[in-house]
Amino acid sequence: MKKLSVHLSDGSTAFGLATSSRSRYEIAEAFASYFPLAEFPHYGVFLSILGSSLKRERRTIVTNIQRSPQSSPGDGVSSFVLKVYKYPFFQRIRTGLQISKAEREFRSLQYLNRMGVGAAQPVGYGVERDSFGFVRSCFIITRFIDDSINLSQWYAELKRQEKLDGKRMAEVFTQLGQVFHRLHQAHFFLFTTKPKNILVPDDLNRAGEIFFIDIPYARTLKWRMLARWAQARDIGVLFGNVTASQSDTADTAIESFYRAYLPDPLGFGSKAVKRYALRQMQAKQNRTLISRWVHDIKRWLAGKSTRIAAFLILTEITYG
């Protein structure tokens, strides 16, 4: 990807990054005219862009923004998604030696696009660090994917219209099995494979390309044992959500997925893949002893003092 040549606040020039002493951002050259340097001289300007809210949580804000290219405004308005991650103090401590979630997601989306896998098109990212080098906040911008809904919405709408059948489930999950096989064969794992992070066409009468969004934890893992765990997690998280709310069609989805996914791209064998994925799926649904125990502790701590809540954030107990 080509970079932008931009001027820094100290008068120097950098290739591809707009920075200050503790913040920086990068915009892909193809989208430079949508976010010109004159309008976006520093990181903080991006955090104040107005748009319609898609999600607002304590640490994550997602906004749909509309931009026209400065060089050719007659080309019309394009839609983008701006996602901002904020790091409270205890969460921030863990980021000192890591790249930000936004940059990781930006690079991962680039990788998927190079592979020809359906994914949101990455536009840019930025990161702000405090005086200790910890990430205070970061953002990523992607192209908005028009005429799409997530997999959970797709299922609910089909069910509401009484159009859900095995053939439709088979089409979607066969595609997912093929894509997962390609990614896992390259030892690339998504980690956030919930149905809400997988987009399909909103036209219920046609099949179309599947797109992945929201993958801030995606990465390449070469160590075989760690890769096996990540493989099981990708599959287990997907089906842990599917079978929890879609039990009547879960068998069709699982069978179609494995028919396209197997033989095992990591070489452990089909039975091993299904066994480990089943454990992850059960953990997702709090159906294992350990996951139920951890889930109960998290619920108990959530109602306690701020100090305990801070400890929970710091240790980031995420199992189950």
C-alpha atoms as a PDB file:
ATOM      1  CA  MET A   1       0.000   0.000   0.000  1.00  0.00           C
ATOM      2  CA  LYS A   2       1.369   3.451  -0.890  1.00  0.00           C
ATOM      3  CA  LYS A   3       1.684   6.037   1.844  1.00  0.00           C
ATOM      4  CA  LEU A   4       0.981   9.731   2.065  1.00  0.00           C
ATOM      5  CA  SER A   5       3.756  12.267   2.378  1.00  0.00           C
ATOM      6  CA  VAL A   6       2.628  14.622   5.145  1.00  0.00           C
ATOM      7  CA  HIS A   7       4.074  17.475   7.195  1.00  0.00           C
ATOM      8  CA  LEU A   8       4.508  17.127  10.942  1.00  0.00           C
ATOM      9  CA  SER A   9       3.848  19.676  13.624  1.00  0.00           C
ATOM     10  CA  ASP A  10       7.584  20.356  14.000  1.00  0.00           C
ATOM     11  CA  GLY A  11       7.938  21.255  10.308  1.00  0.00           C
ATOM     12  CA  SER A  12       9.552  17.986   9.257  1.00  0.00           C
ATOM     13  CA  THR A  13       8.097  15.507   6.786  1.00  0.00           C
ATOM     14  CA  ALA A  14       7.169  11.866   7.297  1.00  0.00           C
ATOM     15  CA  PHE A  15       6.201   9.305   4.676  1.00  0.00           C
ATOM     16  CA  GLY A  16       2.802   7.846   5.368  1.00  0.00           C
ATOM     17  CA  LEU A  17       2.115   9.100   8.888  1.00  0.00           C
ATOM     18  CA  ALA A  18       0.747  12.256  10.449  1.00  0.00           C
ATOM     19  CA  THR A  19       2.135  12.412  13.980  1.00  0.00           C
ATOM     20  CA  SER A  20       2.740  14.451  17.080  1.00  0.00           C
ATOM     21  CA  SER A  21       4.998  13.510  19.970  1.00  0.00           C
ATOM     22  CA  ARG A  22       2.437  11.042  21.358  1.00  0.00           C
ATOM     23  CA  SER A  23      -0.084  10.450  18.577  1.00  0.00           C
ATOM     24  CA  ARG A  24      -0.064   9.529  14.919  1.00  0.00           C
ATOM     25  CA  TYR A  25      -2.374   8.443  12.147  1.00  0.00           C
ATOM     26  CA  GLU A  26      -2.113   6.835   8.736  1.00  0.00           C
ATOM     27  CA  ILE A  27      -4.504   7.115   5.794  1.00  0.00           C
ATOM     28  CA  ALA A  28      -4.286   4.919   2.703  1.00  0.00           C
ATOM     29  CA  GLU A  29      -3.433   6.915  -0.421  1.00  0.00           C
ATOM     30  CA  ALA A  30      -6.619   5.818  -2.176  1.00  0.00           C
ATOM     31  CA  PHE A  31      -8.636   7.709   0.461  1.00  0.00           C
ATOM     32  CA  ALA A  32      -6.359  10.732   0.956  1.00  0.00           C
ATOM     33  CA  SER A  33      -8.786  13.151  -0.677  1.00  0.00           C
ATOM     34  CA  TYR A  34     -11.565  12.078   1.716  1.00  0.00           C
ATOM     35  CA  PHE A  35      -9.453  12.950   4.762  1.00  0.00           C
ATOM     36  CA  PRO A  36      -7.096  15.750   3.593  1.00  0.00           C
ATOM     37  CA  LEU A  37      -4.247  16.889   5.790  1.00  0.00           C
ATOM     38  CA  ALA A  38      -5.479  20.484   5.794  1.00  0.00           C
ATOM     39  CA  GLU A  39      -8.708  19.368   7.476  1.00  0.00           C
ATOM     40  CA  PHE A  40      -7.126  16.665   9.625  1.00  0.00           C
ATOM     41  CA  PRO A  41      -3.801  18.102  10.804  1.00  0.00           C
ATOM     42  CA  HIS A  42      -3.593  15.914  13.901  1.00  0.00           C
ATOM     43  CA  TYR A  43      -5.013  12.815  15.548  1.00  0.00           C
ATOM     44  CA  GLY A  44      -7.587  14.531  17.766  1.00  0.00           C
ATOM     45  CA  VAL A  45      -9.599  15.914  14.839  1.00  0.00           C
ATOM     46  CA  PHE A  46     -10.720  12.405  13.905  1.00  0.00           C
ATOM     47  CA  LEU A  47     -12.309  11.906  17.325  1.00  0.00           C
ATOM     48  CA  SER A  48     -14.631  14.855  16.766  1.00  0.00           C
ATOM     49  CA  ILE A  49     -16.037  13.824  13.359  1.00  0.00           C
ATOM     50  CA  LEU A  50     -19.827  13.958  13.415  1.00  0.00           C
ATOM     51  CA  GLY A  51     -21.986  11.104  12.173  1.00  0.00           C
ATOM     52  CA  SER A  52     -24.731   8.687  13.104  1.00  0.00           C
ATOM     53  CA  SER A  53     -24.037   6.399  16.048  1.00  0.00           C
ATOM     54  CA  LEU A  54     -23.847   2.659  15.324  1.00  0.00           C
ATOM     55  CA  LYS A  55     -22.668   1.567  18.769  1.00  0.00           C
ATOM     56  CA  ARG A  56     -21.714   3.368  21.947  1.00  0.00           C
ATOM     57  CA  GLU A  57     -20.174   1.540  24.892  1.00  0.00           C
ATOM     58  CA  ARG A  58     -17.903   2.531  27.748  1.00  0.00           C
ATOM     59  CA  ARG A  59     -14.702   1.753  25.833  1.00  0.00           C
ATOM     60  CA  THR A  60     -15.864   1.525  22.207  1.00  0.00           C
ATOM     61  CA  ILE A  61     -17.663   4.083  20.025  1.00  0.00           C
ATOM     62  CA  VAL A  62     -18.669   3.266  16.442  1.00  0.00           C
ATOM     63  CA  THR A  63     -19.947   5.992  14.095  1.00  0.00           C
ATOM     64  CA  ASN A  64     -21.124   6.024  10.495  1.00  0.00           C
ATOM     65  CA  ILE A  65     -19.638   9.090   8.762  1.00  0.00           C
ATOM     66  CA  GLN A  66     -20.189  10.565   5.284  1.00  0.00           C
ATOM     67  CA  ARG A  67     -17.320  12.106   3.314  1.00  0.00           C
ATOM     68  CA  SER A  68     -16.830  13.580  -0.158  1.00  0.00           C
ATOM     69  CA  PRO A  69     -13.457  13.563  -1.930  1.00  0.00           C
ATOM     70  CA  GLN A  70     -11.880  17.000  -1.738  1.00  0.00           C
ATOM     71  CA  SER A  71     -10.255  16.653  -5.157  1.00  0.00           C
ATOM     72  CA  SER A  72     -13.513  15.759  -6.921  1.00  0.00           C
ATOM     73  CA  PRO A  73     -16.585  16.564  -4.803  1.00  0.00           C
ATOM     74  CA  GLY A  74     -18.791  15.854  -7.787  1.00  0.00           C
ATOM     75  CA  ASP A  75     -18.109  12.147  -7.297  1.00  0.00           C
ATOM     76  CA  GLY A  76     -20.623  12.194  -4.468  1.00  0.00           C
ATOM     77  CA  VAL A  77     -20.625  11.093  -0.851  1.00  0.00           C
ATOM     78  CA  SER A  78     -19.107   7.861   0.414  1.00  0.00           C
ATOM     79  CA  SER A  79     -19.938   6.135   3.677  1.00  0.00           C
ATOM     80  CA  PHE A  80     -17.319   5.108   6.224  1.00  0.00           C
ATOM     81  CA  VAL A  81     -17.221   3.540   9.672  1.00  0.00           C
ATOM     82  CA  LEU A  82     -15.132   5.210  12.388  1.00  0.00           C
ATOM     83  CA  LYS A  83     -14.435   2.991  15.389  1.00  0.00           C
ATOM     84  CA  VAL A  84     -12.752   4.492  18.458  1.00  0.00           C
ATOM     85  CA  TYR A  85     -11.270   2.410  21.275  1.00  0.00           C
ATOM     86  CA  LYS A  86     -10.670   4.075  24.639  1.00  0.00           C
ATOM     87  CA  TYR A  87      -8.401   2.631  27.314  1.00  0.00           C
ATOM     88  CA  PRO A  88      -9.073   3.249  31.028  1.00  0.00           C
ATOM     89  CA  PHE A  89      -5.987   3.401  33.240  1.00  0.00           C
ATOM     90  CA  PHE A  90      -5.768  -0.274  34.222  1.00  0.00           C
ATOM     91  CA  GLN A  91      -6.530  -1.432  30.692  1.00  0.00           C
ATOM     92  CA  ARG A  92      -3.894   0.974  29.408  1.00  0.00           C
ATOM     93  CA  ILE A  93      -1.056  -0.551  31.398  1.00  0.00           C
ATOM     94  CA  ARG A  94      -1.154  -3.719  29.321  1.00  0.00           C
ATOM     95  CA  THR A  95      -0.561  -1.860  26.023  1.00  0.00           C
ATOM     96  CA  GLY A  96       2.963  -0.542  26.505  1.00  0.00           C
ATOM     97  CA  LEU A  97       4.752  -3.116  24.359  1.00  0.00           C
ATOM     98  CA  GLN A  98       1.882  -3.858  21.969  1.00  0.00           C
ATOM     99  CA  ILE A  99       0.594  -2.317  18.785  1.00  0.00           C
ATOM    100  CA  SER A 100      -2.872  -0.846  19.240  1.00  0.00           C
ATOM    101  CA  LYS A 101      -6.080  -2.767  18.508  1.00  0.00           C
ATOM    102  CA  ALA A 102      -6.813  -0.312  15.698  1.00  0.00           C
ATOM    103  CA  GLU A 103      -3.485  -0.862  13.940  1.00  0.00           C
ATOM    104  CA  ARG A 104      -3.751  -4.630  14.350  1.00  0.00           C
ATOM    105  CA  GLU A 105      -7.231  -4.589  12.826  1.00  0.00           C
ATOM    106  CA  PHE A 106      -6.071  -2.300  10.010  1.00  0.00           C
ATOM    107  CA  ARG A 107      -3.196  -4.649   9.104  1.00  0.00           C
ATOM    108  CA  SER A 108      -5.438  -7.721   9.411  1.00  0.00           C
ATOM    109  CA  LEU A 109      -8.048  -6.251   7.078  1.00  0.00           C
ATOM    110  CA  GLN A 110      -5.299  -5.420   4.609  1.00  0.00           C
ATOM    111  CA  TYR A 111      -4.190  -9.049   4.759  1.00  0.00           C
ATOM    112  CA  LEU A 112      -7.698 -10.370   4.127  1.00  0.00           C
ATOM    113  CA  ASN A 113      -8.152  -8.012   1.182  1.00  0.00           C
ATOM    114  CA  ARG A 114      -4.845  -9.163  -0.322  1.00  0.00           C
ATOM    115  CA  MET A 115      -5.988 -12.775   0.044  1.00  0.00           C
ATOM    116  CA  GLY A 116      -9.215 -11.989  -1.773  1.00  0.00           C
ATOM    117  CA  VAL A 117     -11.294 -12.775   1.323  1.00  0.00           C
ATOM    118  CA  GLY A 118     -14.387 -10.623   1.817  1.00  0.00           C
ATOM    119  CA  ALA A 119     -13.667  -8.030   4.508  1.00  0.00           C
ATOM    120  CA  ALA A 120     -14.223  -4.364   5.253  1.00  0.00           C
ATOM    121  CA  GLN A 121     -11.822  -2.193   3.252  1.00  0.00           C
ATOM    122  CA  PRO A 122      -9.316  -0.503   5.600  1.00  0.00           C
ATOM    123  CA  VAL A 123      -9.024   3.258   5.144  1.00  0.00           C
ATOM    124  CA  GLY A 124      -6.834   4.412   8.014  1.00  0.00           C
ATOM    125  CA  TYR A 125      -5.999   4.187  11.691  1.00  0.00           C
ATOM    126  CA  GLY A 126      -4.552   6.316  14.452  1.00  0.00           C
ATOM    127  CA  VAL A 127      -3.156   5.870  17.950  1.00  0.00           C
ATOM    128  CA  GLU A 128      -2.557   8.167  20.912  1.00  0.00           C
ATOM    129  CA  ARG A 129      -0.195   7.174  23.732  1.00  0.00           C
ATOM    130  CA  ASP A 130       0.345   8.757  27.126  1.00  0.00           C
ATOM    131  CA  SER A 131       3.694   9.957  28.489  1.00  0.00           C
ATOM    132  CA  PHE A 132       4.570   6.393  29.562  1.00  0.00           C
ATOM    133  CA  GLY A 133       3.992   4.973  26.088  1.00  0.00           C
ATOM    134  CA  PHE A 134       0.699   3.267  26.947  1.00  0.00           C
ATOM    135  CA  VAL A 135      -2.198   3.497  24.481  1.00  0.00           C
ATOM    136  CA  ARG A 136      -4.740   6.083  25.628  1.00  0.00           C
ATOM    137  CA  SER A 137      -7.041   5.732  22.607  1.00  0.00           C
ATOM    138  CA  CYS A 138      -6.968   4.606  19.000  1.00  0.00           C
ATOM    139  CA  PHE A 139      -9.267   4.577  15.987  1.00  0.00           C
ATOM    140  CA  ILE A 140      -9.752   2.714  12.727  1.00  0.00           C
ATOM    141  CA  ILE A 141     -11.691   3.838   9.650  1.00  0.00           C
ATOM    142  CA  THR A 142     -13.132   1.372   7.144  1.00  0.00           C
ATOM    143  CA  ARG A 143     -15.459   1.606   4.161  1.00  0.00           C
ATOM    144  CA  PHE A 144     -19.084   1.037   5.077  1.00  0.00           C
ATOM    145  CA  ILE A 145     -20.388  -2.177   3.482  1.00  0.00           C
ATOM    146  CA  ASP A 146     -23.657  -1.277   1.783  1.00  0.00           C
ATOM    147  CA  ASP A 147     -26.681  -3.551   1.390  1.00  0.00           C
ATOM    148  CA  SER A 148     -25.631  -5.976   4.114  1.00  0.00           C
ATOM    149  CA  ILE A 149     -26.760  -7.283   7.486  1.00  0.00           C
ATOM    150  CA  ASN A 150     -24.967  -9.437  10.004  1.00  0.00           C
ATOM    151  CA  LEU A 151     -25.494 -13.171  10.208  1.00  0.00           C
ATOM    152  CA  SER A 152     -27.667 -12.952  13.323  1.00  0.00           C
ATOM    153  CA  GLN A 153     -29.972 -10.397  11.704  1.00  0.00           C
ATOM    154  CA  TRP A 154     -30.093 -12.481   8.528  1.00  0.00           C
ATOM    155  CA  TYR A 155     -31.242 -15.532  10.440  1.00  0.00           C
ATOM    156  CA  ALA A 156     -33.824 -13.611  12.472  1.00  0.00           C
ATOM    157  CA  GLU A 157     -35.308 -11.967   9.354  1.00  0.00           C
ATOM    158  CA  LEU A 158     -35.501 -15.250   7.446  1.00  0.00           C
ATOM    159  CA  LYS A 159     -37.198 -16.874  10.392  1.00  0.00           C
ATOM    160  CA  ARG A 160     -39.656 -13.970  10.725  1.00  0.00           C
ATOM    161  CA  GLN A 161     -40.603 -14.280   7.062  1.00  0.00           C
ATOM    162  CA  GLU A 162     -40.730 -18.077   7.320  1.00  0.00           C
ATOM    163  CA  LYS A 163     -38.170 -18.390   4.529  1.00  0.00           C
ATOM    164  CA  LEU A 164     -35.524 -20.233   6.528  1.00  0.00           C
ATOM    165  CA  ASP A 165     -34.601 -23.635   5.154  1.00  0.00           C
ATOM    166  CA  GLY A 166     -31.664 -26.004   5.081  1.00  0.00           C
ATOM    167  CA  LYS A 167     -30.555 -24.902   1.621  1.00  0.00           C
ATOM    168  CA  ARG A 168     -30.032 -21.299   2.671  1.00  0.00           C
ATOM    169  CA  MET A 169     -28.113 -22.310   5.786  1.00  0.00           C
ATOM    170  CA  ALA A 170     -25.991 -24.697   3.711  1.00  0.00           C
ATOM    171  CA  GLU A 171     -25.062 -21.969   1.200  1.00  0.00           C
ATOM    172  CA  VAL A 172     -23.825 -19.550   3.853  1.00  0.00           C
ATOM    173  CA  PHE A 173     -21.975 -22.058   6.012  1.00  0.00           C
ATOM    174  CA  THR A 174     -20.370 -23.742   3.031  1.00  0.00           C
ATOM    175  CA  GLN A 175     -18.876 -20.353   2.151  1.00  0.00           C
ATOM    176  CA  LEU A 176     -17.724 -19.901   5.732  1.00  0.00           C
ATOM    177  CA  GLY A 177     -16.114 -23.343   5.751  1.00  0.00           C
ATOM    178  CA  GLN A 178     -14.197 -22.556   2.560  1.00  0.00           C
ATOM    179  CA  VAL A 179     -12.965 -19.203   3.870  1.00  0.00           C
ATOM    180  CA  PHE A 180     -11.975 -20.592   7.286  1.00  0.00           C
ATOM    181  CA  HIS A 181     -10.037 -23.364   5.528  1.00  0.00           C
ATOM    182  CA  ARG A 182      -8.038 -20.830   3.498  1.00  0.00           C
ATOM    183  CA  LEU A 183      -7.282 -18.654   6.513  1.00  0.00           C
ATOM    184  CA  HIS A 184      -6.324 -21.513   8.808  1.00  0.00           C
ATOM    185  CA  GLN A 185      -4.190 -23.105   6.122  1.00  0.00           C
ATOM    186  CA  ALA A 186      -2.202 -19.848   6.169  1.00  0.00           C
ATOM    187  CA  HIS A 187      -2.142 -20.034  10.005  1.00  0.00           C
ATOM    188  CA  PHE A 188      -4.209 -16.856  10.205  1.00  0.00           C
ATOM    189  CA  PHE A 189      -6.936 -16.760  12.874  1.00  0.00           C
ATOM    190  CA  LEU A 190      -9.722 -14.216  13.432  1.00  0.00           C
ATOM    191  CA  PHE A 191     -10.679 -14.863  17.116  1.00  0.00           C
ATOM    192  CA  THR A 192     -13.869 -12.729  16.832  1.00  0.00           C
ATOM    193  CA  THR A 193     -16.021 -14.997  14.668  1.00  0.00           C
ATOM    194  CA  LYS A 194     -19.370 -14.159  16.224  1.00  0.00           C
ATOM    195  CA  PRO A 195     -22.303 -13.994  13.771  1.00  0.00           C
ATOM    196  CA  LYS A 196     -22.605 -10.250  14.419  1.00  0.00           C
ATOM    197  CA  ASN A 197     -19.117  -9.799  12.918  1.00  0.00           C
ATOM    198  CA  ILE A 198     -20.002 -11.612   9.683  1.00  0.00           C
ATOM    199  CA  LEU A 199     -21.991  -9.706   7.050  1.00  0.00           C
ATOM    200  CA  VAL A 200     -24.168 -11.190   4.305  1.00  0.00           C
ATOM    201  CA  PRO A 201     -26.350  -9.499   1.618  1.00  0.00           C
ATOM    202  CA  ASP A 202     -29.550  -7.968   2.997  1.00  0.00           C
ATOM    203  CA  ASP A 203     -31.444  -9.263  -0.040  1.00  0.00           C
ATOM    204  CA  LEU A 204     -32.841 -12.485   1.367  1.00  0.00           C
ATOM    205  CA  ASN A 205     -33.564 -13.854  -2.101  1.00  0.00           C
ATOM    206  CA  ARG A 206     -29.970 -14.096  -3.263  1.00  0.00           C
ATOM    207  CA  ALA A 207     -26.675 -15.518  -2.106  1.00  0.00           C
ATOM    208  CA  GLY A 208     -23.657 -13.235  -2.083  1.00  0.00           C
ATOM    209  CA  GLU A 209     -20.199 -12.628  -0.746  1.00  0.00           C
ATOM    210  CA  ILE A 210     -19.529 -12.872   2.978  1.00  0.00           C
ATOM    211  CA  PHE A 211     -17.627 -10.031   4.654  1.00  0.00           C
ATOM    212  CA  PHE A 212     -15.739 -10.044   7.954  1.00  0.00           C
ATOM    213  CA  ILE A 213     -15.679  -6.968  10.180  1.00  0.00           C
ATOM    214  CA  ASP A 214     -14.417  -6.138  13.673  1.00  0.00           C
ATOM    215  CA  ILE A 215     -11.271  -8.292  13.859  1.00  0.00           C
ATOM    216  CA  PRO A 216      -8.951  -6.392  16.267  1.00  0.00           C
ATOM    217  CA  TYR A 217      -7.430  -9.600  17.669  1.00  0.00           C
ATOM    218  CA  ALA A 218      -6.739 -11.406  14.381  1.00  0.00           C
ATOM    219  CA  ARG A 219      -3.177 -12.631  13.893  1.00  0.00           C
ATOM    220  CA  THR A 220      -0.866 -15.245  12.429  1.00  0.00           C
ATOM    221  CA  LEU A 221       0.191 -18.092  14.728  1.00  0.00           C
ATOM    222  CA  LYS A 222       2.912 -20.471  13.603  1.00  0.00           C
ATOM    223  CA  TRP A 223       3.341 -22.637  16.726  1.00  0.00           C
ATOM    224  CA  ARG A 224       1.233 -25.727  16.034  1.00  0.00           C
ATOM    225  CA  MET A 225      -0.248 -26.210  19.504  1.00  0.00           C
ATOM    226  CA  LEU A 226      -1.252 -22.561  19.808  1.00  0.00           C
ATOM    227  CA  ALA A 227      -2.618 -22.701  16.266  1.00  0.00           C
ATOM    228  CA  ARG A 228      -4.742 -25.712  17.181  1.00  0.00           C
ATOM    229  CA  TRP A 229      -6.273 -23.800  20.092  1.00  0.00           C
ATOM    230  CA  ALA A 230      -6.943 -20.763  17.846  1.00  0.00           C
ATOM    231  CA  GLN A 231      -8.482 -23.001  15.185  1.00  0.00           C
ATOM    232  CA  ALA A 232     -10.867 -24.530  17.716  1.00  0.00           C
ATOM    233  CA  ARG A 233     -11.705 -21.088  19.081  1.00  0.00           C
ATOM    234  CA  ASP A 234     -12.579 -19.642  15.653  1.00  0.00           C
ATOM    235  CA  ILE A 235     -14.936 -22.539  14.925  1.00  0.00           C
ATOM    236  CA  GLY A 236     -16.248 -22.867  18.473  1.00  0.00           C
ATOM    237  CA  VAL A 237     -17.102 -19.171  18.845  1.00  0.00           C
ATOM    238  CA  LEU A 238     -18.989 -19.240  15.543  1.00  0.00           C
ATOM    239  CA  PHE A 239     -21.059 -22.300  16.434  1.00  0.00           C
ATOM    240  CA  GLY A 240     -21.362 -21.436  20.118  1.00  0.00           C
ATOM    241  CA  ASN A 241     -23.528 -18.515  19.019  1.00  0.00           C
ATOM    242  CA  VAL A 242     -25.279 -20.369  16.194  1.00  0.00           C
ATOM    243  CA  THR A 243     -26.370 -23.378  18.218  1.00  0.00           C
ATOM    244  CA  ALA A 244     -27.387 -21.242  21.198  1.00  0.00           C
ATOM    245  CA  SER A 245     -30.074 -19.341  19.284  1.00  0.00           C
ATOM    246  CA  GLN A 246     -30.581 -21.423  16.172  1.00  0.00           C
ATOM    247  CA  SER A 247     -30.812 -24.993  17.456  1.00  0.00           C
ATOM    248  CA  ASP A 248     -33.390 -26.064  14.872  1.00  0.00           C
ATOM    249  CA  THR A 249     -30.986 -25.483  11.991  1.00  0.00           C
ATOM    250  CA  ALA A 250     -27.664 -25.930  13.777  1.00  0.00           C
ATOM    251  CA  ASP A 251     -27.046 -29.431  12.436  1.00  0.00           C
ATOM    252  CA  THR A 252     -27.370 -28.256   8.831  1.00  0.00           C
ATOM    253  CA  ALA A 253     -25.009 -25.340   9.484  1.00  0.00           C
ATOM    254  CA  ILE A 254     -22.372 -27.487  11.182  1.00  0.00           C
ATOM    255  CA  GLU A 255     -22.501 -30.271   8.582  1.00  0.00           C
ATOM    256  CA  SER A 256     -22.225 -27.800   5.685  1.00  0.00           C
ATOM    257  CA  PHE A 257     -19.345 -25.983   7.341  1.00  0.00           C
ATOM    258  CA  TYR A 258     -17.274 -29.108   7.983  1.00  0.00           C
ATOM    259  CA  ARG A 259     -17.987 -30.498   4.531  1.00  0.00           C
ATOM    260  CA  ALA A 260     -16.270 -27.422   3.064  1.00  0.00           C
ATOM    261  CA  TYR A 261     -13.651 -26.977   5.804  1.00  0.00           C
ATOM    262  CA  LEU A 262     -12.208 -30.496   6.050  1.00  0.00           C
ATOM    263  CA  PRO A 263      -9.687 -32.050   5.624  1.00  0.00           C
ATOM    264  CA  ASP A 264      -8.042 -30.274   8.534  1.00  0.00           C
ATOM    265  CA  PRO A 265      -5.797 -27.499   7.126  1.00  0.00           C
ATOM    266  CA  LEU A 266      -3.484 -27.811  10.154  1.00  0.00           C
ATOM    267  CA  GLY A 267      -3.065 -31.569   9.781  1.00  0.00           C
ATOM    268  CA  PHE A 268      -4.364 -32.681  13.174  1.00  0.00           C
ATOM    269  CA  GLY A 269      -7.205 -34.741  11.720  1.00  0.00           C
ATOM    270  CA  SER A 270     -10.960 -34.276  11.348  1.00  0.00           C
ATOM    271  CA  LYS A 271     -11.899 -35.923  14.655  1.00  0.00           C
ATOM    272  CA  ALA A 272      -9.486 -33.744  16.612  1.00  0.00           C
ATOM    273  CA  VAL A 273     -10.817 -30.569  14.980  1.00  0.00           C
ATOM    274  CA  LYS A 274     -14.412 -31.414  15.848  1.00  0.00           C
ATOM    275  CA  ARG A 275     -13.532 -32.473  19.390  1.00  0.00           C
ATOM    276  CA  TYR A 276     -11.610 -29.314  20.284  1.00  0.00           C
ATOM    277  CA  ALA A 277     -14.135 -27.065  18.524  1.00  0.00           C
ATOM    278  CA  LEU A 278     -16.936 -28.709  20.509  1.00  0.00           C
ATOM    279  CA  ARG A 279     -15.149 -27.871  23.763  1.00  0.00           C
ATOM    280  CA  GLN A 280     -14.817 -24.246  22.718  1.00  0.00           C
ATOM    281  CA  MET A 281     -18.468 -24.180  21.668  1.00  0.00           C
ATOM    282  CA  GLN A 282     -19.550 -25.555  25.052  1.00  0.00           C
ATOM    283  CA  ALA A 283     -17.343 -23.037  26.843  1.00  0.00           C
ATOM    284  CA  LYS A 284     -18.965 -20.243  24.848  1.00  0.00           C
ATOM    285  CA  GLN A 285     -22.348 -21.423  26.109  1.00  0.00           C
ATOM    286  CA  ASN A 286     -21.050 -21.863  29.688  1.00  0.00           C
ATOM    287  CA  ARG A 287     -21.652 -25.587  29.471  1.00  0.00           C
ATOM    288  CA  THR A 288     -18.284 -26.679  30.904  1.00  0.00           C
ATOM    289  CA  LEU A 289     -17.455 -26.731  34.618  1.00  0.00           C
ATOM    290  CA  ILE A 290     -14.603 -24.223  34.321  1.00  0.00           C
ATOM    291  CA  SER A 291     -16.504 -21.792  32.090  1.00  0.00           C
ATOM    292  CA  ARG A 292     -19.509 -21.830  34.435  1.00  0.00           C
ATOM    293  CA  TRP A 293     -17.229 -21.244  37.411  1.00  0.00           C
ATOM    294  CA  VAL A 294     -15.418 -18.321  35.740  1.00  0.00           C
ATOM    295  CA  HIS A 295     -18.738 -16.872  34.523  1.00  0.00           C
ATOM    296  CA  ASP A 296     -20.172 -16.966  38.065  1.00  0.00           C
ATOM    297  CA  ILE A 297     -17.080 -15.250  39.488  1.00  0.00           C
ATOM    298  CA  LYS A 298     -17.254 -12.498  36.858  1.00  0.00           C
ATOM    299  CA  ARG A 299     -20.927 -11.880  37.640  1.00  0.00           C
ATOM    300  CA  TRP A 300     -20.176 -11.754  41.370  1.00  0.00           C
ATOM    301  CA  LEU A 301     -17.248  -9.358  40.937  1.00  0.00           C
ATOM    302  CA  ALA A 302     -19.276  -7.109  38.650  1.00  0.00           C
ATOM    303  CA  GLY A 303     -21.475  -6.107  41.569  1.00  0.00           C
ATOM    304  CA  LYS A 304     -18.640  -5.384  43.989  1.00  0.00           C
ATOM    305  CA  SER A 305     -16.409  -2.412  44.636  1.00  0.00           C
ATOM    306  CA  THR A 306     -14.563  -0.344  42.056  1.00  0.00           C
ATOM    307  CA  ARG A 307     -11.298  -1.837  43.230  1.00  0.00           C
ATOM    308  CA  ILE A 308     -12.457  -5.362  42.445  1.00  0.00           C
ATOM    309  CA  ALA A 309     -13.868  -4.253  39.109  1.00  0.00           C
ATOM    310  CA  ALA A 310     -10.517  -2.667  38.279  1.00  0.00           C
ATOM    311  CA  PHE A 311      -8.789  -5.934  39.156  1.00  0.00           C
ATOM    312  CA  LEU A 312     -11.166  -7.769  36.818  1.00  0.00           C
ATOM    313  CA  ILE A 313     -10.336  -5.370  33.973  1.00  0.00           C
ATOM    314  CA  LEU A 314      -6.602  -5.598  34.670  1.00  0.00           C
ATOM    315  CA  THR A 315      -6.498  -9.385  34.650  1.00  0.00           C
ATOM    316  CA  GLU A 316      -8.975  -9.503  31.757  1.00  0.00           C
ATOM    317  CA  ILE A 317     -10.639 -12.785  32.521  1.00  0.00           C
ATOM    318  CA  THR A 318     -12.171 -13.597  29.164  1.00  0.00           C
ATOM    319  CA  TYR A 319     -12.670 -17.349  29.272  1.00  0.00           C
ATOM    320  CA  GLY A 320     -16.320 -18.179  28.590  1.00  0.00           C
END
